[in-house]
PDB file of all heavy atoms in Angstrom:
ATOM      1  N   PHE A   1      -2.942   5.477  -6.109  1.00  0.00           N
ATOM      2  CA  PHE A   1      -2.216   4.843  -5.007  1.00  0.00           C
ATOM      3  C   PHE A   1      -0.857   5.525  -4.832  1.00  0.00           C
ATOM      4  O   PHE A   1      -0.245   5.962  -5.805  1.00  0.00           O
ATOM      5  CB  PHE A   1      -1.968   3.366  -5.290  1.00  0.00           C
ATOM      6  CG  PHE A   1      -3.188   2.488  -5.286  1.00  0.00           C
ATOM      7  CD1 PHE A   1      -4.475   3.006  -5.248  1.00  0.00           C
ATOM      8  CD2 PHE A   1      -3.038   1.096  -5.304  1.00  0.00           C
ATOM      9  CE1 PHE A   1      -5.589   2.188  -5.239  1.00  0.00           C
ATOM     10  CE2 PHE A   1      -4.144   0.252  -5.292  1.00  0.00           C
ATOM     11  CZ  PHE A   1      -5.420   0.807  -5.272  1.00  0.00           C
ATOM     12  N   THR A   2      -0.400   5.563  -3.590  1.00  0.00           N
ATOM     13  CA  THR A   2       0.918   6.110  -3.289  1.00  0.00           C
ATOM     14  C   THR A   2       1.646   5.186  -2.334  1.00  0.00           C
ATOM     15  O   THR A   2       1.115   4.846  -1.270  1.00  0.00           O
ATOM     16  CB  THR A   2       0.806   7.504  -2.648  1.00  0.00           C
ATOM     17  OG1 THR A   2       0.083   8.381  -3.530  1.00  0.00           O
ATOM     18  CG2 THR A   2       2.185   8.096  -2.399  1.00  0.00           C
ATOM     19  N   ILE A   3       2.859   4.787  -2.717  1.00  0.00           N
ATOM     20  CA  ILE A   3       3.698   3.965  -1.844  1.00  0.00           C
ATOM     21  C   ILE A   3       4.717   4.885  -1.181  1.00  0.00           C
ATOM     22  O   ILE A   3       5.258   5.797  -1.814  1.00  0.00           O
ATOM     23  CB  ILE A   3       4.380   2.822  -2.627  1.00  0.00           C
ATOM     24  CG1 ILE A   3       5.082   1.856  -1.675  1.00  0.00           C
ATOM     25  CG2 ILE A   3       5.320   3.353  -3.699  1.00  0.00           C
ATOM     26  CD1 ILE A   3       5.583   0.573  -2.358  1.00  0.00           C
ATOM     27  N   SER A   4       4.960   4.656   0.095  1.00  0.00           N
ATOM     28  CA  SER A   4       5.929   5.475   0.821  1.00  0.00           C
ATOM     29  C   SER A   4       6.578   4.621   1.902  1.00  0.00           C
ATOM     30  O   SER A   4       6.149   3.496   2.151  1.00  0.00           O
ATOM     31  CB  SER A   4       5.236   6.694   1.451  1.00  0.00           C
ATOM     32  OG  SER A   4       4.259   6.285   2.383  1.00  0.00           O
ATOM     33  N   ARG A   5       7.619   5.182   2.524  1.00  0.00           N
ATOM     34  CA  ARG A   5       8.318   4.422   3.565  1.00  0.00           C
ATOM     35  C   ARG A   5       8.624   5.320   4.744  1.00  0.00           C
ATOM     36  O   ARG A   5       8.764   6.533   4.608  1.00  0.00           O
ATOM     37  CB  ARG A   5       9.614   3.834   3.015  1.00  0.00           C
ATOM     38  CG  ARG A   5      10.730   4.878   2.810  1.00  0.00           C
ATOM     39  CD  ARG A   5      11.771   4.424   1.907  1.00  0.00           C
ATOM     40  NE  ARG A   5      12.966   5.231   1.806  1.00  0.00           N
ATOM     41  CZ  ARG A   5      13.052   6.505   1.425  1.00  0.00           C
ATOM     42  NH1 ARG A   5      11.948   7.205   1.173  1.00  0.00           N
ATOM     43  NH2 ARG A   5      14.213   7.115   1.305  1.00  0.00           N
ATOM     44  N   ASP A   6       8.748   4.689   5.896  1.00  0.00           N
ATOM     45  CA  ASP A   6       9.186   5.372   7.113  1.00  0.00           C
ATOM     46  C   ASP A   6      10.466   4.677   7.542  1.00  0.00           C
ATOM     47  O   ASP A   6      10.436   3.532   8.000  1.00  0.00           O
ATOM     48  CB  ASP A   6       8.108   5.259   8.189  1.00  0.00           C
ATOM     49  CG  ASP A   6       8.470   6.020   9.455  1.00  0.00           C
ATOM     50  OD1 ASP A   6       9.665   6.022   9.846  1.00  0.00           O
ATOM     51  OD2 ASP A   6       7.570   6.593  10.074  1.00  0.00           O
ATOM     52  N   ASP A   7      11.574   5.358   7.382  1.00  0.00           N
ATOM     53  CA  ASP A   7      12.871   4.741   7.639  1.00  0.00           C
ATOM     54  C   ASP A   7      13.047   4.393   9.114  1.00  0.00           C
ATOM     55  O   ASP A   7      13.630   3.373   9.448  1.00  0.00           O
ATOM     56  CB  ASP A   7      13.989   5.678   7.185  1.00  0.00           C
ATOM     57  CG  ASP A   7      15.331   4.978   7.190  1.00  0.00           C
ATOM     58  OD1 ASP A   7      15.503   4.000   6.429  1.00  0.00           O
ATOM     59  OD2 ASP A   7      16.216   5.379   7.966  1.00  0.00           O
ATOM     60  N   ALA A   8      12.546   5.214   9.981  1.00  0.00           N
ATOM     61  CA  ALA A   8      12.710   4.960  11.415  1.00  0.00           C
ATOM     62  C   ALA A   8      11.927   3.724  11.852  1.00  0.00           C
ATOM     63  O   ALA A   8      12.383   2.959  12.698  1.00  0.00           O
ATOM     64  CB  ALA A   8      12.268   6.181  12.210  1.00  0.00           C
ATOM     65  N   LYS A   9      10.754   3.520  11.268  1.00  0.00           N
ATOM     66  CA  LYS A   9       9.907   2.382  11.640  1.00  0.00           C
ATOM     67  C   LYS A   9      10.124   1.167  10.746  1.00  0.00           C
ATOM     68  O   LYS A   9       9.523   0.115  10.989  1.00  0.00           O
ATOM     69  CB  LYS A   9       8.433   2.790  11.585  1.00  0.00           C
ATOM     70  CG  LYS A   9       8.056   3.882  12.577  1.00  0.00           C
ATOM     71  CD  LYS A   9       6.572   4.212  12.459  1.00  0.00           C
ATOM     72  CE  LYS A   9       6.183   5.293  13.460  1.00  0.00           C
ATOM     73  NZ  LYS A   9       4.741   5.649  13.349  1.00  0.00           N
ATOM     74  N   ILE A  10      10.946   1.305   9.737  1.00  0.00           N
ATOM     75  CA  ILE A  10      11.156   0.237   8.740  1.00  0.00           C
ATOM     76  C   ILE A  10       9.806  -0.293   8.270  1.00  0.00           C
ATOM     77  O   ILE A  10       9.512  -1.492   8.301  1.00  0.00           O
ATOM     78  CB  ILE A  10      12.014  -0.915   9.304  1.00  0.00           C
ATOM     79  CG1 ILE A  10      13.162  -0.382  10.140  1.00  0.00           C
ATOM     80  CG2 ILE A  10      12.597  -1.762   8.142  1.00  0.00           C
ATOM     81  CD1 ILE A  10      14.158   0.454   9.349  1.00  0.00           C
ATOM     82  N   THR A  11       8.976   0.631   7.844  1.00  0.00           N
ATOM     83  CA  THR A  11       7.610   0.317   7.435  1.00  0.00           C
ATOM     84  C   THR A  11       7.326   0.951   6.083  1.00  0.00           C
ATOM     85  O   THR A  11       7.739   2.084   5.821  1.00  0.00           O
ATOM     86  CB  THR A  11       6.608   0.827   8.484  1.00  0.00           C
ATOM     87  OG1 THR A  11       6.840   0.138   9.720  1.00  0.00           O
ATOM     88  CG2 THR A  11       5.166   0.567   8.050  1.00  0.00           C
ATOM     89  N   VAL A  12       6.623   0.203   5.253  1.00  0.00           N
ATOM     90  CA  VAL A  12       6.180   0.691   3.963  1.00  0.00           C
ATOM     91  C   VAL A  12       4.662   0.823   4.002  1.00  0.00           C
ATOM     92  O   VAL A  12       3.972  -0.022   4.584  1.00  0.00           O
ATOM     93  CB  VAL A  12       6.605  -0.268   2.827  1.00  0.00           C
ATOM     94  CG1 VAL A  12       5.923   0.082   1.531  1.00  0.00           C
ATOM     95  CG2 VAL A  12       8.101  -0.238   2.647  1.00  0.00           C
ATOM     96  N   TYR A  13       4.164   1.863   3.367  1.00  0.00           N
ATOM     97  CA  TYR A  13       2.736   2.126   3.331  1.00  0.00           C
ATOM     98  C   TYR A  13       2.233   2.127   1.894  1.00  0.00           C
ATOM     99  O   TYR A  13       2.975   2.462   0.970  1.00  0.00           O
ATOM    100  CB  TYR A  13       2.434   3.489   3.961  1.00  0.00           C
ATOM    101  CG  TYR A  13       2.927   3.623   5.377  1.00  0.00           C
ATOM    102  CD1 TYR A  13       4.143   4.248   5.651  1.00  0.00           C
ATOM    103  CD2 TYR A  13       2.193   3.114   6.440  1.00  0.00           C
ATOM    104  CE1 TYR A  13       4.604   4.369   6.955  1.00  0.00           C
ATOM    105  CE2 TYR A  13       2.643   3.231   7.742  1.00  0.00           C
ATOM    106  CZ  TYR A  13       3.858   3.858   7.998  1.00  0.00           C
ATOM    107  OH  TYR A  13       4.311   3.969   9.285  1.00  0.00           O
ATOM    108  N   LEU A  14       0.978   1.778   1.740  1.00  0.00           N
ATOM    109  CA  LEU A  14       0.305   1.924   0.451  1.00  0.00           C
ATOM    110  C   LEU A  14      -0.993   2.683   0.717  1.00  0.00           C
ATOM    111  O   LEU A  14      -1.938   2.125   1.269  1.00  0.00           O
ATOM    112  CB  LEU A  14       0.023   0.572  -0.196  1.00  0.00           C
ATOM    113  CG  LEU A  14      -0.566   0.653  -1.609  1.00  0.00           C
ATOM    114  CD1 LEU A  14       0.490   1.205  -2.583  1.00  0.00           C
ATOM    115  CD2 LEU A  14      -1.061  -0.707  -2.083  1.00  0.00           C
ATOM    116  N   GLN A  15      -1.000   3.950   0.347  1.00  0.00           N
ATOM    117  CA  GLN A  15      -2.198   4.768   0.461  1.00  0.00           C
ATOM    118  C   GLN A  15      -3.024   4.572  -0.797  1.00  0.00           C
ATOM    119  O   GLN A  15      -2.535   4.832  -1.900  1.00  0.00           O
ATOM    120  CB  GLN A  15      -1.825   6.241   0.633  1.00  0.00           C
ATOM    121  CG  GLN A  15      -3.019   7.174   0.703  1.00  0.00           C
ATOM    122  CD  GLN A  15      -3.852   6.964   1.958  1.00  0.00           C
ATOM    123  OE1 GLN A  15      -3.329   6.800   3.047  1.00  0.00           O
ATOM    124  NE2 GLN A  15      -5.186   6.961   1.797  1.00  0.00           N
ATOM    125  N   MET A  16      -4.249   4.111  -0.612  1.00  0.00           N
ATOM    126  CA  MET A  16      -5.107   3.802  -1.747  1.00  0.00           C
ATOM    127  C   MET A  16      -6.318   4.719  -1.716  1.00  0.00           C
ATOM    128  O   MET A  16      -7.122   4.659  -0.780  1.00  0.00           O
ATOM    129  CB  MET A  16      -5.543   2.335  -1.695  1.00  0.00           C
ATOM    130  CG  MET A  16      -4.382   1.360  -1.607  1.00  0.00           C
ATOM    131  SD  MET A  16      -4.892  -0.371  -1.692  1.00  0.00           S
ATOM    132  CE  MET A  16      -5.825  -0.510  -0.175  1.00  0.00           C
ATOM    133  N   ASN A  17      -6.432   5.569  -2.727  1.00  0.00           N
ATOM    134  CA  ASN A  17      -7.550   6.504  -2.841  1.00  0.00           C
ATOM    135  C   ASN A  17      -8.392   6.176  -4.067  1.00  0.00           C
ATOM    136  O   ASN A  17      -7.950   5.450  -4.951  1.00  0.00           O
ATOM    137  CB  ASN A  17      -7.025   7.940  -2.942  1.00  0.00           C
ATOM    138  CG  ASN A  17      -6.239   8.372  -1.725  1.00  0.00           C
ATOM    139  OD1 ASN A  17      -6.498   7.937  -0.591  1.00  0.00           O
ATOM    140  ND2 ASN A  17      -5.264   9.248  -1.932  1.00  0.00           N
ATOM    141  N   SER A  18      -9.585   6.734  -4.107  1.00  0.00           N
ATOM    142  CA  SER A  18     -10.492   6.533  -5.249  1.00  0.00           C
ATOM    143  C   SER A  18     -10.606   5.052  -5.597  1.00  0.00           C
ATOM    144  O   SER A  18     -10.494   4.658  -6.761  1.00  0.00           O
ATOM    145  CB  SER A  18      -9.999   7.336  -6.465  1.00  0.00           C
ATOM    146  OG  SER A  18      -9.906   8.704  -6.175  1.00  0.00           O
ATOM    147  N   LEU A  19     -10.827   4.240  -4.601  1.00  0.00           N
ATOM    148  CA  LEU A  19     -10.865   2.792  -4.798  1.00  0.00           C
ATOM    149  C   LEU A  19     -12.036   2.386  -5.677  1.00  0.00           C
ATOM    150  O   LEU A  19     -13.116   3.000  -5.649  1.00  0.00           O
ATOM    151  CB  LEU A  19     -10.928   2.080  -3.457  1.00  0.00           C
ATOM    152  CG  LEU A  19      -9.587   2.015  -2.720  1.00  0.00           C
ATOM    153  CD1 LEU A  19      -9.770   1.727  -1.238  1.00  0.00           C
ATOM    154  CD2 LEU A  19      -8.683   0.952  -3.356  1.00  0.00           C
ATOM    155  N   LYS A  20     -11.799   1.358  -6.461  1.00  0.00           N
ATOM    156  CA  LYS A  20     -12.788   0.816  -7.386  1.00  0.00           C
ATOM    157  C   LYS A  20     -13.050  -0.643  -7.041  1.00  0.00           C
ATOM    158  O   LYS A  20     -12.181  -1.313  -6.472  1.00  0.00           O
ATOM    159  CB  LYS A  20     -12.260   0.894  -8.814  1.00  0.00           C
ATOM    160  CG  LYS A  20     -11.817   2.274  -9.262  1.00  0.00           C
ATOM    161  CD  LYS A  20     -11.171   2.195 -10.640  1.00  0.00           C
ATOM    162  CE  LYS A  20     -10.679   3.556 -11.104  1.00  0.00           C
ATOM    163  NZ  LYS A  20     -10.029   3.474 -12.440  1.00  0.00           N
ATOM    164  N   PRO A  21     -14.204  -1.183  -7.425  1.00  0.00           N
ATOM    165  CA  PRO A  21     -14.456  -2.616  -7.195  1.00  0.00           C
ATOM    166  C   PRO A  21     -13.366  -3.509  -7.799  1.00  0.00           C
ATOM    167  O   PRO A  21     -13.049  -4.557  -7.235  1.00  0.00           O
ATOM    168  CB  PRO A  21     -15.812  -2.835  -7.870  1.00  0.00           C
ATOM    169  CG  PRO A  21     -16.497  -1.516  -7.731  1.00  0.00           C
ATOM    170  CD  PRO A  21     -15.412  -0.487  -7.904  1.00  0.00           C
ATOM    171  N   ASP A  22     -12.775  -3.098  -8.906  1.00  0.00           N
ATOM    172  CA  ASP A  22     -11.696  -3.881  -9.527  1.00  0.00           C
ATOM    173  C   ASP A  22     -10.439  -3.944  -8.676  1.00  0.00           C
ATOM    174  O   ASP A  22      -9.542  -4.745  -8.948  1.00  0.00           O
ATOM    175  CB  ASP A  22     -11.327  -3.293 -10.901  1.00  0.00           C
ATOM    176  CG  ASP A  22     -12.343  -3.649 -11.966  1.00  0.00           C
ATOM    177  OD1 ASP A  22     -13.211  -4.501 -11.696  1.00  0.00           O
ATOM    178  OD2 ASP A  22     -12.260  -3.080 -13.063  1.00  0.00           O
ATOM    179  N   ASP A  23     -10.351  -3.111  -7.647  1.00  0.00           N
ATOM    180  CA  ASP A  23      -9.200  -3.156  -6.747  1.00  0.00           C
ATOM    181  C   ASP A  23      -9.351  -4.244  -5.683  1.00  0.00           C
ATOM    182  O   ASP A  23      -8.419  -4.494  -4.910  1.00  0.00           O
ATOM    183  CB  ASP A  23      -9.011  -1.807  -6.046  1.00  0.00           C
ATOM    184  CG  ASP A  23      -8.646  -0.685  -7.001  1.00  0.00           C
ATOM    185  OD1 ASP A  23      -7.810  -0.915  -7.888  1.00  0.00           O
ATOM    186  OD2 ASP A  23      -9.200   0.424  -6.853  1.00  0.00           O
ATOM    187  N   THR A  24     -10.501  -4.888  -5.631  1.00  0.00           N
ATOM    188  CA  THR A  24     -10.726  -5.954  -4.657  1.00  0.00           C
ATOM    189  C   THR A  24      -9.755  -7.101  -4.879  1.00  0.00           C
ATOM    190  O   THR A  24      -9.647  -7.640  -5.988  1.00  0.00           O
ATOM    191  CB  THR A  24     -12.175  -6.470  -4.764  1.00  0.00           C
ATOM    192  OG1 THR A  24     -13.068  -5.412  -4.387  1.00  0.00           O
ATOM    193  CG2 THR A  24     -12.399  -7.666  -3.854  1.00  0.00           C
ATOM    194  N   ALA A  25      -9.019  -7.457  -3.825  1.00  0.00           N
ATOM    195  CA  ALA A  25      -7.994  -8.502  -3.926  1.00  0.00           C
ATOM    196  C   ALA A  25      -7.362  -8.701  -2.549  1.00  0.00           C
ATOM    197  O   ALA A  25      -7.582  -7.903  -1.633  1.00  0.00           O
ATOM    198  CB  ALA A  25      -6.907  -8.110  -4.929  1.00  0.00           C
ATOM    199  N   VAL A  26      -6.556  -9.744  -2.456  1.00  0.00           N
ATOM    200  CA  VAL A  26      -5.640  -9.878  -1.325  1.00  0.00           C
ATOM    201  C   VAL A  26      -4.365  -9.126  -1.688  1.00  0.00           C
ATOM    202  O   VAL A  26      -3.783  -9.376  -2.753  1.00  0.00           O
ATOM    203  CB  VAL A  26      -5.330 -11.354  -1.025  1.00  0.00           C
ATOM    204  CG1 VAL A  26      -4.250 -11.450   0.057  1.00  0.00           C
ATOM    205  CG2 VAL A  26      -6.592 -12.083  -0.596  1.00  0.00           C
ATOM    206  N   TYR A  27      -3.974  -8.218  -0.849  1.00  0.00           N
ATOM    207  CA  TYR A  27      -2.772  -7.415  -1.082  1.00  0.00           C
ATOM    208  C   TYR A  27      -1.625  -7.989  -0.269  1.00  0.00           C
ATOM    209  O   TYR A  27      -1.759  -8.231   0.940  1.00  0.00           O
ATOM    210  CB  TYR A  27      -3.028  -5.961  -0.711  1.00  0.00           C
ATOM    211  CG  TYR A  27      -3.839  -5.233  -1.756  1.00  0.00           C
ATOM    212  CD1 TYR A  27      -5.184  -5.533  -1.952  1.00  0.00           C
ATOM    213  CD2 TYR A  27      -3.255  -4.279  -2.584  1.00  0.00           C
ATOM    214  CE1 TYR A  27      -5.927  -4.898  -2.933  1.00  0.00           C
ATOM    215  CE2 TYR A  27      -3.994  -3.629  -3.563  1.00  0.00           C
ATOM    216  CZ  TYR A  27      -5.324  -3.944  -3.731  1.00  0.00           C
ATOM    217  OH  TYR A  27      -6.055  -3.305  -4.707  1.00  0.00           O
ATOM    218  N   LEU A  28      -0.501  -8.200  -0.946  1.00  0.00           N
ATOM    219  CA  LEU A  28       0.667  -8.812  -0.317  1.00  0.00           C
ATOM    220  C   LEU A  28       1.852  -7.874  -0.368  1.00  0.00           C
ATOM    221  O   LEU A  28       2.163  -7.310  -1.422  1.00  0.00           O
ATOM    222  CB  LEU A  28       1.021 -10.115  -1.028  1.00  0.00           C
ATOM    223  CG  LEU A  28      -0.080 -11.172  -1.025  1.00  0.00           C
ATOM    224  CD1 LEU A  28      -0.548 -11.431  -2.442  1.00  0.00           C
ATOM    225  CD2 LEU A  28       0.408 -12.451  -0.394  1.00  0.00           C
ATOM    226  N   CYS A  29       2.505  -7.744   0.760  1.00  0.00           N
ATOM    227  CA  CYS A  29       3.740  -6.984   0.845  1.00  0.00           C
ATOM    228  C   CYS A  29       4.904  -7.915   0.530  1.00  0.00           C
ATOM    229  O   CYS A  29       4.883  -9.094   0.913  1.00  0.00           O
ATOM    230  CB  CYS A  29       3.880  -6.423   2.249  1.00  0.00           C
ATOM    231  SG  CYS A  29       5.406  -5.532   2.569  1.00  0.00           S
ATOM    232  N   ALA A  30       5.901  -7.385  -0.167  1.00  0.00           N
ATOM    233  CA  ALA A  30       7.060  -8.194  -0.534  1.00  0.00           C
ATOM    234  C   ALA A  30       8.332  -7.379  -0.362  1.00  0.00           C
ATOM    235  O   ALA A  30       8.300  -6.149  -0.453  1.00  0.00           O
ATOM    236  CB  ALA A  30       6.925  -8.678  -1.980  1.00  0.00           C
ATOM    237  N   ALA A  31       9.436  -8.079  -0.148  1.00  0.00           N
ATOM    238  CA  ALA A  31      10.709  -7.388   0.052  1.00  0.00           C
ATOM    239  C   ALA A  31      11.858  -8.202  -0.504  1.00  0.00           C
ATOM    240  O   ALA A  31      11.805  -9.437  -0.536  1.00  0.00           O
ATOM    241  CB  ALA A  31      10.946  -7.115   1.537  1.00  0.00           C
TER     242      ALA A  31
END
């Protein structure tokens, strides 16, 4: 996984690769 941000859009991203069944969940953004 890679977390990144776009300062102009005030947006955070979570790029998730090589996903596994154990990654199944509700994902919540927090600040």
